[in-house]
Amino acid sequence: MSTHIELIVDEPIPGHYCWVLLKQESPDQNPVPVDYAAGPMPTYTAAMMAGIAALERRAEAHAAQDGPNTLH
């Protein structure tokens, strides 16, 4: 079973953009936040880039836990 992580950028107040990473492990489970912006950002692009950076950090940490890929 795979885990899906989705990046959402929201504008709860005009000119204030926040990102959140949501994890959903199965179709019958509601998504749960796993990381989010510490505060609002001034543009959608800034929030998206910060969310992508957080997603990449999660991927790198996950890869480091799994160890190097080897072929047998």
PDB file of N, CA and C in Angstrom:
ATOM      1  N   MET A   1       0.837  -1.166   0.000  1.00  0.00           N
ATOM      2  CA  MET A   1       0.000   0.000   0.000  1.00  0.00           C
ATOM      3  C   MET A   1       0.891   1.242   0.000  1.00  0.00           C
ATOM      4  N   SER A   2       0.556   2.217  -0.806  1.00  0.00           N
ATOM      5  CA  SER A   2       1.370   3.426  -0.893  1.00  0.00           C
ATOM      6  C   SER A   2       0.723   4.568  -0.128  1.00  0.00           C
ATOM      7  N   THR A   3       1.563   5.475   0.284  1.00  0.00           N
ATOM      8  CA  THR A   3       1.115   6.671   0.969  1.00  0.00           C
ATOM      9  C   THR A   3       1.185   7.826  -0.014  1.00  0.00           C
ATOM     10  N   HIS A   4       0.147   8.622  -0.050  1.00  0.00           N
ATOM     11  CA  HIS A   4       0.109   9.783  -0.930  1.00  0.00           C
ATOM     12  C   HIS A   4       0.236  11.042  -0.087  1.00  0.00           C
ATOM     13  N   ILE A   5       1.105  11.955  -0.527  1.00  0.00           N
ATOM     14  CA  ILE A   5       1.242  13.249   0.126  1.00  0.00           C
ATOM     15  C   ILE A   5       0.924  14.314  -0.909  1.00  0.00           C
ATOM     16  N   GLU A   6       0.027  15.198  -0.534  1.00  0.00           N
ATOM     17  CA  GLU A   6      -0.449  16.235  -1.436  1.00  0.00           C
ATOM     18  C   GLU A   6      -0.060  17.605  -0.880  1.00  0.00           C
ATOM     19  N   LEU A   7       0.367  18.501  -1.749  1.00  0.00           N
ATOM     20  CA  LEU A   7       0.689  19.872  -1.377  1.00  0.00           C
ATOM     21  C   LEU A   7      -0.490  20.765  -1.743  1.00  0.00           C
ATOM     22  N   ILE A   8      -0.993  21.478  -0.770  1.00  0.00           N
ATOM     23  CA  ILE A   8      -2.103  22.410  -0.980  1.00  0.00           C
ATOM     24  C   ILE A   8      -1.623  23.812  -0.622  1.00  0.00           C
ATOM     25  N   VAL A   9      -1.947  24.800  -1.455  1.00  0.00           N
ATOM     26  CA  VAL A   9      -1.709  26.201  -1.130  1.00  0.00           C
ATOM     27  C   VAL A   9      -3.069  26.869  -1.030  1.00  0.00           C
ATOM     28  N   ASP A  10      -3.295  27.565   0.083  1.00  0.00           N
ATOM     29  CA  ASP A  10      -4.576  28.198   0.353  1.00  0.00           C
ATOM     30  C   ASP A  10      -4.357  29.686   0.608  1.00  0.00           C
ATOM     31  N   GLU A  11      -5.363  30.483   0.351  1.00  0.00           N
ATOM     32  CA  GLU A  11      -5.334  31.920   0.631  1.00  0.00           C
ATOM     33  C   GLU A  11      -6.496  32.244   1.580  1.00  0.00           C
ATOM     34  N   PRO A  12      -6.310  31.971   2.903  1.00  0.00           N
ATOM     35  CA  PRO A  12      -7.412  32.172   3.841  1.00  0.00           C
ATOM     36  C   PRO A  12      -7.820  33.637   4.005  1.00  0.00           C
ATOM     37  N   ILE A  13      -6.846  34.536   3.817  1.00  0.00           N
ATOM     38  CA  ILE A  13      -7.072  35.976   3.871  1.00  0.00           C
ATOM     39  C   ILE A  13      -6.422  36.543   2.613  1.00  0.00           C
ATOM     40  N   PRO A  14      -7.059  37.481   1.923  1.00  0.00           N
ATOM     41  CA  PRO A  14      -6.456  38.025   0.702  1.00  0.00           C
ATOM     42  C   PRO A  14      -5.011  38.473   0.927  1.00  0.00           C
ATOM     43  N   GLY A  15      -4.108  37.952   0.075  1.00  0.00           N
ATOM     44  CA  GLY A  15      -2.700  38.311   0.146  1.00  0.00           C
ATOM     45  C   GLY A  15      -1.883  37.524   1.151  1.00  0.00           C
ATOM     46  N   HIS A  16      -2.474  36.527   1.782  1.00  0.00           N
ATOM     47  CA  HIS A  16      -1.785  35.675   2.756  1.00  0.00           C
ATOM     48  C   HIS A  16      -1.927  34.224   2.303  1.00  0.00           C
ATOM     49  N   TYR A  17      -0.827  33.649   1.844  1.00  0.00           N
ATOM     50  CA  TYR A  17      -0.843  32.288   1.297  1.00  0.00           C
ATOM     51  C   TYR A  17      -0.145  31.325   2.242  1.00  0.00           C
ATOM     52  N   CYS A  18      -0.780  30.186   2.473  1.00  0.00           N
ATOM     53  CA  CYS A  18      -0.227  29.158   3.360  1.00  0.00           C
ATOM     54  C   CYS A  18      -0.197  27.830   2.621  1.00  0.00           C
ATOM     55  N   TRP A  19       0.825  27.030   2.917  1.00  0.00           N
ATOM     56  CA  TRP A  19       0.902  25.696   2.319  1.00  0.00           C
ATOM     57  C   TRP A  19       0.715  24.654   3.417  1.00  0.00           C
ATOM     58  N   VAL A  20       0.249  23.492   3.012  1.00  0.00           N
ATOM     59  CA  VAL A  20       0.108  22.356   3.922  1.00  0.00           C
ATOM     60  C   VAL A  20       0.350  21.079   3.134  1.00  0.00           C
ATOM     61  N   LEU A  21       1.048  20.120   3.766  1.00  0.00           N
ATOM     62  CA  LEU A  21       1.220  18.792   3.183  1.00  0.00           C
ATOM     63  C   LEU A  21       0.226  17.867   3.854  1.00  0.00           C
ATOM     64  N   LEU A  22      -0.584  17.196   3.058  1.00  0.00           N
ATOM     65  CA  LEU A  22      -1.589  16.262   3.563  1.00  0.00           C
ATOM     66  C   LEU A  22      -1.207  14.844   3.161  1.00  0.00           C
ATOM     67  N   LYS A  23      -1.327  13.922   4.115  1.00  0.00           N
ATOM     68  CA  LYS A  23      -0.990  12.514   3.869  1.00  0.00           C
ATOM     69  C   LYS A  23      -2.268  11.681   3.904  1.00  0.00           C
ATOM     70  N   GLN A  24      -2.394  10.798   2.920  1.00  0.00           N
ATOM     71  CA  GLN A  24      -3.527   9.876   2.865  1.00  0.00           C
ATOM     72  C   GLN A  24      -2.984   8.484   2.562  1.00  0.00           C
ATOM     73  N   GLU A  25      -3.122   7.582   3.518  1.00  0.00           N
ATOM     74  CA  GLU A  25      -2.561   6.242   3.352  1.00  0.00           C
ATOM     75  C   GLU A  25      -3.491   5.275   2.644  1.00  0.00           C
ATOM     76  N   SER A  26      -4.796   5.561   2.653  1.00  0.00           N
ATOM     77  CA  SER A  26      -5.733   4.702   1.946  1.00  0.00           C
ATOM     78  C   SER A  26      -6.933   5.542   1.507  1.00  0.00           C
ATOM     79  N   PRO A  27      -7.651   5.079   0.478  1.00  0.00           N
ATOM     80  CA  PRO A  27      -8.779   5.857  -0.042  1.00  0.00           C
ATOM     81  C   PRO A  27      -9.896   6.093   0.979  1.00  0.00           C
ATOM     82  N   ASP A  28     -10.039   5.196   1.944  1.00  0.00           N
ATOM     83  CA  ASP A  28     -11.118   5.356   2.920  1.00  0.00           C
ATOM     84  C   ASP A  28     -10.698   6.174   4.148  1.00  0.00           C
ATOM     85  N   GLN A  29      -9.471   6.670   4.162  1.00  0.00           N
ATOM     86  CA  GLN A  29      -8.963   7.477   5.267  1.00  0.00           C
ATOM     87  C   GLN A  29      -8.998   8.954   4.882  1.00  0.00           C
ATOM     88  N   ASN A  30      -9.371   9.810   5.826  1.00  0.00           N
ATOM     89  CA  ASN A  30      -9.319  11.245   5.584  1.00  0.00           C
ATOM     90  C   ASN A  30      -7.864  11.698   5.596  1.00  0.00           C
ATOM     91  N   PRO A  31      -7.504  12.651   4.732  1.00  0.00           N
ATOM     92  CA  PRO A  31      -6.127  13.163   4.743  1.00  0.00           C
ATOM     93  C   PRO A  31      -5.827  13.865   6.073  1.00  0.00           C
ATOM     94  N   VAL A  32      -4.580  13.731   6.528  1.00  0.00           N
ATOM     95  CA  VAL A  32      -4.158  14.384   7.763  1.00  0.00           C
ATOM     96  C   VAL A  32      -2.937  15.252   7.458  1.00  0.00           C
ATOM     97  N   PRO A  33      -2.854  16.442   8.080  1.00  0.00           N
ATOM     98  CA  PRO A  33      -1.690  17.301   7.855  1.00  0.00           C
ATOM     99  C   PRO A  33      -0.436  16.668   8.448  1.00  0.00           C
ATOM    100  N   VAL A  34       0.659  16.710   7.698  1.00  0.00           N
ATOM    101  CA  VAL A  34       1.941  16.207   8.193  1.00  0.00           C
ATOM    102  C   VAL A  34       2.985  17.313   8.288  1.00  0.00           C
ATOM    103  N   ASP A  35       2.741  18.441   7.633  1.00  0.00           N
ATOM    104  CA  ASP A  35       3.630  19.599   7.731  1.00  0.00           C
ATOM    105  C   ASP A  35       2.856  20.792   7.189  1.00  0.00           C
ATOM    106  N   TYR A  36       3.219  21.991   7.647  1.00  0.00           N
ATOM    107  CA  TYR A  36       2.506  23.187   7.202  1.00  0.00           C
ATOM    108  C   TYR A  36       3.373  24.419   7.415  1.00  0.00           C
ATOM    109  N   ALA A  37       2.975  25.512   6.770  1.00  0.00           N
ATOM    110  CA  ALA A  37       3.718  26.768   6.853  1.00  0.00           C
ATOM    111  C   ALA A  37       3.685  27.302   8.277  1.00  0.00           C
ATOM    112  N   ALA A  38       4.808  27.868   8.699  1.00  0.00           N
ATOM    113  CA  ALA A  38       4.881  28.483  10.027  1.00  0.00           C
ATOM    114  C   ALA A  38       4.093  29.790  10.057  1.00  0.00           C
ATOM    115  N   GLY A  39       3.900  30.384   8.920  1.00  0.00           N
ATOM    116  CA  GLY A  39       3.152  31.633   8.822  1.00  0.00           C
ATOM    117  C   GLY A  39       2.811  31.920   7.374  1.00  0.00           C
ATOM    118  N   PRO A  40       2.005  32.933   7.129  1.00  0.00           N
ATOM    119  CA  PRO A  40       1.593  33.229   5.757  1.00  0.00           C
ATOM    120  C   PRO A  40       2.740  33.787   4.923  1.00  0.00           C
ATOM    121  N   MET A  41       2.606  33.601   3.629  1.00  0.00           N
ATOM    122  CA  MET A  41       3.584  34.105   2.670  1.00  0.00           C
ATOM    123  C   MET A  41       2.872  35.117   1.769  1.00  0.00           C
ATOM    124  N   PRO A  42       3.631  36.046   1.167  1.00  0.00           N
ATOM    125  CA  PRO A  42       2.995  37.137   0.419  1.00  0.00           C
ATOM    126  C   PRO A  42       2.464  36.762  -0.958  1.00  0.00           C
ATOM    127  N   THR A  43       2.948  35.644  -1.532  1.00  0.00           N
ATOM    128  CA  THR A  43       2.489  35.260  -2.869  1.00  0.00           C
ATOM    129  C   THR A  43       2.217  33.759  -2.930  1.00  0.00           C
ATOM    130  N   TYR A  44       1.385  33.399  -3.881  1.00  0.00           N
ATOM    131  CA  TYR A  44       1.097  31.991  -4.125  1.00  0.00           C
ATOM    132  C   TYR A  44       2.388  31.253  -4.484  1.00  0.00           C
ATOM    133  N   THR A  45       3.209  31.873  -5.334  1.00  0.00           N
ATOM    134  CA  THR A  45       4.452  31.242  -5.786  1.00  0.00           C
ATOM    135  C   THR A  45       5.394  30.978  -4.619  1.00  0.00           C
ATOM    136  N   ALA A  46       5.530  31.938  -3.714  1.00  0.00           N
ATOM    137  CA  ALA A  46       6.407  31.753  -2.553  1.00  0.00           C
ATOM    138  C   ALA A  46       5.904  30.598  -1.688  1.00  0.00           C
ATOM    139  N   ALA A  47       4.606  30.527  -1.486  1.00  0.00           N
ATOM    140  CA  ALA A  47       4.035  29.438  -0.681  1.00  0.00           C
ATOM    141  C   ALA A  47       4.233  28.094  -1.379  1.00  0.00           C
ATOM    142  N   MET A  48       4.037  28.051  -2.690  1.00  0.00           N
ATOM    143  CA  MET A  48       4.206  26.804  -3.433  1.00  0.00           C
ATOM    144  C   MET A  48       5.660  26.335  -3.361  1.00  0.00           C
ATOM    145  N   MET A  49       6.605  27.254  -3.558  1.00  0.00           N
ATOM    146  CA  MET A  49       8.020  26.884  -3.513  1.00  0.00           C
ATOM    147  C   MET A  49       8.420  26.403  -2.113  1.00  0.00           C
ATOM    148  N   ALA A  50       7.920  27.043  -1.069  1.00  0.00           N
ATOM    149  CA  ALA A  50       8.223  26.607   0.295  1.00  0.00           C
ATOM    150  C   ALA A  50       7.623  25.229   0.560  1.00  0.00           C
ATOM    151  N   GLY A  51       6.427  24.978   0.053  1.00  0.00           N
ATOM    152  CA  GLY A  51       5.796  23.665   0.210  1.00  0.00           C
ATOM    153  C   GLY A  51       6.555  22.583  -0.546  1.00  0.00           C
ATOM    154  N   ILE A  52       7.028  22.904  -1.743  1.00  0.00           N
ATOM    155  CA  ILE A  52       7.821  21.949  -2.520  1.00  0.00           C
ATOM    156  C   ILE A  52       9.121  21.628  -1.789  1.00  0.00           C
ATOM    157  N   ALA A  53       9.759  22.652  -1.211  1.00  0.00           N
ATOM    158  CA  ALA A  53      10.996  22.432  -0.451  1.00  0.00           C
ATOM    159  C   ALA A  53      10.733  21.505   0.736  1.00  0.00           C
ATOM    160  N   ALA A  54       9.614  21.697   1.427  1.00  0.00           N
ATOM    161  CA  ALA A  54       9.269  20.824   2.556  1.00  0.00           C
ATOM    162  C   ALA A  54       9.023  19.396   2.074  1.00  0.00           C
ATOM    163  N   LEU A  55       8.367  19.252   0.945  1.00  0.00           N
ATOM    164  CA  LEU A  55       8.110  17.926   0.376  1.00  0.00           C
ATOM    165  C   LEU A  55       9.416  17.247  -0.009  1.00  0.00           C
ATOM    166  N   GLU A  56      10.350  17.992  -0.592  1.00  0.00           N
ATOM    167  CA  GLU A  56      11.652  17.434  -0.950  1.00  0.00           C
ATOM    168  C   GLU A  56      12.442  17.016   0.295  1.00  0.00           C
ATOM    169  N   ARG A  57      12.372  17.813   1.365  1.00  0.00           N
ATOM    170  CA  ARG A  57      13.053  17.435   2.615  1.00  0.00           C
ATOM    171  C   ARG A  57      12.494  16.130   3.164  1.00  0.00           C
ATOM    172  N   ARG A  58      11.169  15.969   3.099  1.00  0.00           N
ATOM    173  CA  ARG A  58      10.545  14.719   3.556  1.00  0.00           C
ATOM    174  C   ARG A  58      11.025  13.543   2.714  1.00  0.00           C
ATOM    175  N   ALA A  59      11.101  13.739   1.400  1.00  0.00           N
ATOM    176  CA  ALA A  59      11.542  12.666   0.499  1.00  0.00           C
ATOM    177  C   ALA A  59      12.996  12.291   0.781  1.00  0.00           C
ATOM    178  N   GLU A  60      13.854  13.303   1.000  1.00  0.00           N
ATOM    179  CA  GLU A  60      15.262  13.031   1.301  1.00  0.00           C
ATOM    180  C   GLU A  60      15.409  12.310   2.636  1.00  0.00           C
ATOM    181  N   ALA A  61      14.649  12.710   3.631  1.00  0.00           N
ATOM    182  CA  ALA A  61      14.709  12.047   4.939  1.00  0.00           C
ATOM    183  C   ALA A  61      14.230  10.600   4.823  1.00  0.00           C
ATOM    184  N   HIS A  62      13.191  10.376   4.033  1.00  0.00           N
ATOM    185  CA  HIS A  62      12.676   9.022   3.834  1.00  0.00           C
ATOM    186  C   HIS A  62      13.706   8.158   3.116  1.00  0.00           C
ATOM    187  N   ALA A  63      14.355   8.728   2.102  1.00  0.00           N
ATOM    188  CA  ALA A  63      15.379   7.984   1.353  1.00  0.00           C
ATOM    189  C   ALA A  63      16.566   7.648   2.253  1.00  0.00           C
ATOM    190  N   ALA A  64      16.934   8.568   3.136  1.00  0.00           N
ATOM    191  CA  ALA A  64      18.062   8.318   4.050  1.00  0.00           C
ATOM    192  C   ALA A  64      17.733   7.192   5.028  1.00  0.00           C
ATOM    193  N   GLN A  65      16.487   7.098   5.439  1.00  0.00           N
ATOM    194  CA  GLN A  65      16.076   6.005   6.338  1.00  0.00           C
ATOM    195  C   GLN A  65      16.110   4.660   5.653  1.00  0.00           C
ATOM    196  N   ASP A  66      15.781   4.647   4.350  1.00  0.00           N
ATOM    197  CA  ASP A  66      15.742   3.391   3.599  1.00  0.00           C
ATOM    198  C   ASP A  66      17.135   2.893   3.235  1.00  0.00           C
ATOM    199  N   GLY A  67      18.130   3.768   3.262  1.00  0.00           N
ATOM    200  CA  GLY A  67      19.485   3.388   2.889  1.00  0.00           C
ATOM    201  C   GLY A  67      19.684   3.497   1.396  1.00  0.00           C
ATOM    202  N   PRO A  68      20.907   3.263   0.942  1.00  0.00           N
ATOM    203  CA  PRO A  68      21.192   3.393  -0.499  1.00  0.00           C
ATOM    204  C   PRO A  68      20.520   2.298  -1.303  1.00  0.00           C
ATOM    205  N   ASN A  69      20.183   2.649  -2.529  1.00  0.00           N
ATOM    206  CA  ASN A  69      19.602   1.663  -3.446  1.00  0.00           C
ATOM    207  C   ASN A  69      20.749   0.816  -4.002  1.00  0.00           C
ATOM    208  N   THR A  70      20.611  -0.500  -3.970  1.00  0.00           N
ATOM    209  CA  THR A  70      21.624  -1.394  -4.526  1.00  0.00           C
ATOM    210  C   THR A  70      20.960  -2.387  -5.448  1.00  0.00           C
ATOM    211  N   LEU A  71      21.706  -2.813  -6.445  1.00  0.00           N
ATOM    212  CA  LEU A  71      21.228  -3.839  -7.368  1.00  0.00           C
ATOM    213  C   LEU A  71      21.916  -5.144  -7.011  1.00  0.00           C
ATOM    214  N   HIS A  72      21.194  -6.221  -7.049  1.00  0.00           N
ATOM    215  CA  HIS A  72      21.749  -7.540  -6.738  1.00  0.00           C
ATOM    216  C   HIS A  72      21.832  -8.379  -7.995  1.00  0.00           C
TER     217      HIS A  72
END
